[in-house]
Amino acid sequence: MVIVNGQSNVQPYVVNTPGGNYYETIPLLTLGDEVPLLEGDFSNFTASATKTFAFTGIPDGMGIYQLGDKNLVFINHKLSNTSVTDISSTALP
């Protein structure tokens, strides 16, 4: 799975929404996608050049926070008691 122009290339889970033409579902991130890990302070994040975050678990909820000209998306996950998460090993030296 690949992120292209800030979007996952996977079909979104939600395909029909009440309100029809008023809403568009854009798949930002899904299970297995990897994105650069954010580093720094909350008001001054930068994308890591060497570390990625692999999305795990079942996406359960989402929120958005606007900070200047940026939109920060927060996602919570459902993880089982056997799930393990860590910085992705695929991007580490």
N, C-alpha and C. Protein backbone atom coordinates (compact mmCIF):
# COMPACT_ATOMS: atom_id res chain seq x y z
N MET A 1 0.84 -1.18 0.00
CA MET A 1 0.00 0.00 0.00
C MET A 1 0.88 1.24 0.00
N VAL A 2 0.47 2.21 -0.75
CA VAL A 2 1.31 3.38 -0.99
C VAL A 2 0.53 4.66 -0.72
N ILE A 3 1.23 5.65 -0.18
CA ILE A 3 0.65 6.98 -0.01
C ILE A 3 1.09 7.82 -1.21
N VAL A 4 0.12 8.37 -1.94
CA VAL A 4 0.41 9.21 -3.10
C VAL A 4 -0.34 10.53 -2.93
N ASN A 5 0.40 11.63 -2.98
CA ASN A 5 -0.21 12.95 -2.80
C ASN A 5 -1.04 13.04 -1.52
N GLY A 6 -0.52 12.45 -0.45
CA GLY A 6 -1.20 12.54 0.85
C GLY A 6 -2.40 11.63 1.01
N GLN A 7 -2.58 10.66 0.09
CA GLN A 7 -3.73 9.76 0.17
C GLN A 7 -3.30 8.32 -0.03
N SER A 8 -3.98 7.40 0.67
CA SER A 8 -3.75 5.98 0.47
C SER A 8 -4.29 5.58 -0.90
N ASN A 9 -3.68 4.59 -1.52
CA ASN A 9 -4.19 4.13 -2.82
C ASN A 9 -5.20 3.01 -2.65
N VAL A 10 -5.68 2.78 -1.43
CA VAL A 10 -6.66 1.74 -1.14
C VAL A 10 -8.06 2.34 -1.16
N GLN A 11 -9.04 1.55 -1.58
CA GLN A 11 -10.43 2.00 -1.57
C GLN A 11 -10.85 2.34 -0.14
N PRO A 12 -11.58 3.43 0.08
CA PRO A 12 -12.02 3.79 1.44
C PRO A 12 -13.02 2.77 1.98
N TYR A 13 -13.04 2.62 3.33
CA TYR A 13 -14.02 1.76 3.98
C TYR A 13 -15.44 2.29 3.78
N VAL A 14 -15.58 3.59 3.84
CA VAL A 14 -16.89 4.22 3.70
C VAL A 14 -17.09 4.57 2.24
N VAL A 15 -18.14 4.07 1.65
CA VAL A 15 -18.38 4.36 0.24
C VAL A 15 -19.69 5.09 0.01
N ASN A 16 -20.54 5.12 1.00
CA ASN A 16 -21.82 5.80 0.88
C ASN A 16 -22.06 6.61 2.15
N THR A 17 -22.34 7.87 2.03
CA THR A 17 -22.61 8.68 3.21
C THR A 17 -23.94 9.39 3.06
N PRO A 18 -24.63 9.61 4.19
CA PRO A 18 -25.85 10.41 4.12
C PRO A 18 -25.51 11.80 3.59
N GLY A 19 -26.32 12.34 2.76
CA GLY A 19 -26.05 13.65 2.19
C GLY A 19 -25.51 13.55 0.78
N GLY A 20 -25.18 12.34 0.37
CA GLY A 20 -24.78 12.08 -1.01
C GLY A 20 -23.69 12.97 -1.55
N ASN A 21 -24.05 13.88 -2.41
CA ASN A 21 -23.08 14.70 -3.14
C ASN A 21 -22.40 15.78 -2.29
N TYR A 22 -22.81 15.95 -1.06
CA TYR A 22 -22.24 16.99 -0.22
C TYR A 22 -20.92 16.58 0.42
N TYR A 23 -20.62 15.27 0.44
CA TYR A 23 -19.43 14.77 1.12
C TYR A 23 -18.59 13.92 0.17
N GLU A 24 -17.29 13.92 0.41
CA GLU A 24 -16.38 13.06 -0.34
C GLU A 24 -15.50 12.33 0.67
N THR A 25 -15.37 11.03 0.51
CA THR A 25 -14.51 10.24 1.38
C THR A 25 -13.15 10.10 0.71
N ILE A 26 -12.11 10.57 1.40
CA ILE A 26 -10.75 10.51 0.87
C ILE A 26 -9.94 9.61 1.79
N PRO A 27 -9.44 8.47 1.29
CA PRO A 27 -8.66 7.57 2.15
C PRO A 27 -7.27 8.12 2.40
N LEU A 28 -7.03 8.63 3.61
CA LEU A 28 -5.74 9.22 3.95
C LEU A 28 -4.70 8.16 4.32
N LEU A 29 -5.12 7.16 5.09
CA LEU A 29 -4.18 6.18 5.63
C LEU A 29 -4.96 4.93 5.99
N THR A 30 -4.39 3.76 5.75
CA THR A 30 -5.05 2.53 6.14
C THR A 30 -4.02 1.51 6.60
N LEU A 31 -4.51 0.40 7.10
CA LEU A 31 -3.66 -0.65 7.64
C LEU A 31 -2.56 -1.04 6.66
N GLY A 32 -1.32 -0.99 7.14
CA GLY A 32 -0.17 -1.37 6.32
C GLY A 32 0.52 -0.20 5.64
N ASP A 33 -0.14 0.93 5.54
CA ASP A 33 0.50 2.11 4.94
C ASP A 33 1.61 2.60 5.86
N GLU A 34 2.65 3.15 5.27
CA GLU A 34 3.74 3.73 6.05
C GLU A 34 3.90 5.20 5.66
N VAL A 35 4.07 6.03 6.67
CA VAL A 35 4.27 7.47 6.45
C VAL A 35 5.48 7.91 7.27
N PRO A 36 6.12 9.02 6.89
CA PRO A 36 7.25 9.50 7.68
C PRO A 36 6.80 9.82 9.12
N LEU A 37 7.62 9.42 10.06
CA LEU A 37 7.36 9.73 11.46
C LEU A 37 7.55 11.22 11.68
N LEU A 38 6.65 11.85 12.42
CA LEU A 38 6.78 13.28 12.70
C LEU A 38 7.68 13.49 13.90
N GLU A 39 8.56 14.46 13.81
CA GLU A 39 9.48 14.78 14.89
C GLU A 39 9.36 16.26 15.23
N GLY A 40 9.73 16.61 16.46
CA GLY A 40 9.70 18.01 16.86
C GLY A 40 8.57 18.32 17.80
N ASP A 41 8.31 19.61 17.95
CA ASP A 41 7.27 20.09 18.85
C ASP A 41 5.93 20.12 18.14
N PHE A 42 4.86 20.16 18.95
CA PHE A 42 3.51 20.14 18.40
C PHE A 42 3.28 21.25 17.38
N SER A 43 3.82 22.40 17.61
CA SER A 43 3.58 23.51 16.68
C SER A 43 4.61 23.57 15.56
N ASN A 44 5.58 22.65 15.57
CA ASN A 44 6.65 22.72 14.58
C ASN A 44 7.12 21.32 14.18
N PHE A 45 6.20 20.47 13.69
CA PHE A 45 6.56 19.13 13.28
C PHE A 45 7.33 19.14 11.97
N THR A 46 8.25 18.19 11.84
CA THR A 46 8.92 17.93 10.56
C THR A 46 8.90 16.43 10.33
N ALA A 47 8.87 16.03 9.06
CA ALA A 47 8.86 14.62 8.71
C ALA A 47 10.28 14.07 8.80
N SER A 48 10.42 12.93 9.46
CA SER A 48 11.72 12.28 9.58
C SER A 48 12.20 11.80 8.21
N ALA A 49 13.48 11.96 7.97
CA ALA A 49 14.07 11.48 6.72
C ALA A 49 14.42 10.00 6.79
N THR A 50 14.44 9.42 8.01
CA THR A 50 14.90 8.04 8.15
C THR A 50 13.91 7.10 8.83
N LYS A 51 12.87 7.64 9.49
CA LYS A 51 11.95 6.78 10.24
C LYS A 51 10.54 6.90 9.68
N THR A 52 9.84 5.76 9.64
CA THR A 52 8.45 5.77 9.21
C THR A 52 7.56 5.16 10.28
N PHE A 53 6.28 5.47 10.19
CA PHE A 53 5.26 4.90 11.07
C PHE A 53 4.41 3.98 10.22
N ALA A 54 4.29 2.72 10.63
CA ALA A 54 3.42 1.78 9.92
C ALA A 54 2.08 1.74 10.65
N PHE A 55 1.02 2.04 9.94
CA PHE A 55 -0.31 2.08 10.53
C PHE A 55 -0.74 0.66 10.90
N THR A 56 -1.14 0.44 12.14
CA THR A 56 -1.56 -0.87 12.62
C THR A 56 -2.93 -0.78 13.27
N GLY A 57 -3.52 -1.92 13.54
CA GLY A 57 -4.79 -1.98 14.23
C GLY A 57 -5.96 -1.63 13.32
N ILE A 58 -7.09 -1.44 13.92
CA ILE A 58 -8.31 -1.09 13.19
C ILE A 58 -8.59 0.38 13.45
N PRO A 59 -8.62 1.21 12.38
CA PRO A 59 -8.92 2.63 12.60
C PRO A 59 -10.32 2.76 13.20
N ASP A 60 -10.42 3.50 14.30
CA ASP A 60 -11.67 3.53 15.05
C ASP A 60 -12.29 4.91 15.14
N GLY A 61 -11.49 5.92 15.09
CA GLY A 61 -12.03 7.27 15.22
C GLY A 61 -11.03 8.26 14.68
N MET A 62 -11.51 9.43 14.29
CA MET A 62 -10.63 10.40 13.69
C MET A 62 -11.05 11.81 14.11
N GLY A 63 -10.07 12.66 14.27
CA GLY A 63 -10.33 14.07 14.54
C GLY A 63 -9.36 14.90 13.74
N ILE A 64 -9.66 16.16 13.60
CA ILE A 64 -8.79 17.05 12.83
C ILE A 64 -8.60 18.34 13.61
N TYR A 65 -7.41 18.89 13.51
CA TYR A 65 -7.07 20.13 14.20
C TYR A 65 -6.35 21.02 13.20
N GLN A 66 -6.81 22.23 13.03
CA GLN A 66 -6.17 23.15 12.10
C GLN A 66 -5.15 24.00 12.85
N LEU A 67 -3.93 24.02 12.34
CA LEU A 67 -2.84 24.78 12.95
C LEU A 67 -2.20 25.62 11.85
N GLY A 68 -2.58 26.88 11.81
CA GLY A 68 -2.08 27.75 10.73
C GLY A 68 -2.59 27.25 9.39
N ASP A 69 -1.65 26.97 8.49
CA ASP A 69 -2.04 26.49 7.16
C ASP A 69 -1.99 24.97 7.06
N LYS A 70 -1.88 24.28 8.21
CA LYS A 70 -1.80 22.82 8.22
C LYS A 70 -3.04 22.23 8.89
N ASN A 71 -3.44 21.07 8.42
CA ASN A 71 -4.50 20.29 9.06
C ASN A 71 -3.86 19.06 9.67
N LEU A 72 -3.94 18.90 10.98
CA LEU A 72 -3.39 17.74 11.67
C LEU A 72 -4.51 16.76 11.91
N VAL A 73 -4.32 15.52 11.50
CA VAL A 73 -5.33 14.48 11.65
C VAL A 73 -4.90 13.54 12.76
N PHE A 74 -5.81 13.27 13.69
CA PHE A 74 -5.56 12.35 14.80
C PHE A 74 -6.42 11.11 14.60
N ILE A 75 -5.82 9.94 14.78
CA ILE A 75 -6.56 8.68 14.61
C ILE A 75 -6.34 7.82 15.84
N ASN A 76 -7.42 7.23 16.35
CA ASN A 76 -7.24 6.24 17.40
C ASN A 76 -7.47 4.86 16.80
N HIS A 77 -6.85 3.86 17.39
CA HIS A 77 -6.86 2.51 16.85
C HIS A 77 -7.44 1.54 17.86
N LYS A 78 -8.04 0.48 17.35
CA LYS A 78 -8.40 -0.65 18.20
C LYS A 78 -7.27 -1.66 18.06
N LEU A 79 -6.63 -1.97 19.18
CA LEU A 79 -5.54 -2.94 19.19
C LEU A 79 -5.90 -4.08 20.13
N SER A 80 -5.59 -5.29 19.72
CA SER A 80 -5.84 -6.43 20.61
C SER A 80 -4.73 -6.48 21.66
N ASN A 81 -4.91 -7.32 22.67
CA ASN A 81 -3.91 -7.40 23.73
C ASN A 81 -2.62 -8.08 23.26
N THR A 82 -2.61 -8.60 22.02
CA THR A 82 -1.38 -9.20 21.48
C THR A 82 -0.73 -8.32 20.42
N SER A 83 -1.31 -7.16 20.14
CA SER A 83 -0.75 -6.25 19.14
C SER A 83 0.51 -5.59 19.65
N VAL A 84 1.45 -5.43 18.77
CA VAL A 84 2.70 -4.75 19.10
C VAL A 84 2.92 -3.67 18.05
N THR A 85 3.24 -2.46 18.48
CA THR A 85 3.53 -1.39 17.54
C THR A 85 4.88 -0.80 17.87
N ASP A 86 5.52 -0.26 16.87
CA ASP A 86 6.83 0.34 17.04
C ASP A 86 7.11 1.15 15.77
N ILE A 87 8.18 1.89 15.79
CA ILE A 87 8.61 2.56 14.58
C ILE A 87 8.91 1.48 13.56
N SER A 88 8.48 1.66 12.33
CA SER A 88 8.66 0.65 11.29
C SER A 88 10.14 0.34 11.09
N SER A 89 10.44 -0.93 10.96
CA SER A 89 11.83 -1.34 10.76
C SER A 89 12.24 -1.24 9.30
N THR A 90 11.31 -1.01 8.40
CA THR A 90 11.67 -0.98 6.97
C THR A 90 12.47 0.26 6.60
N ALA A 91 12.38 1.32 7.36
CA ALA A 91 13.07 2.56 6.99
C ALA A 91 14.29 2.84 7.85
N LEU A 92 14.59 1.94 8.76
CA LEU A 92 15.75 2.16 9.63
C LEU A 92 17.02 1.65 8.96
N PRO A 93 18.17 2.29 9.21
CA PRO A 93 19.43 1.85 8.56
C PRO A 93 19.84 0.46 8.99
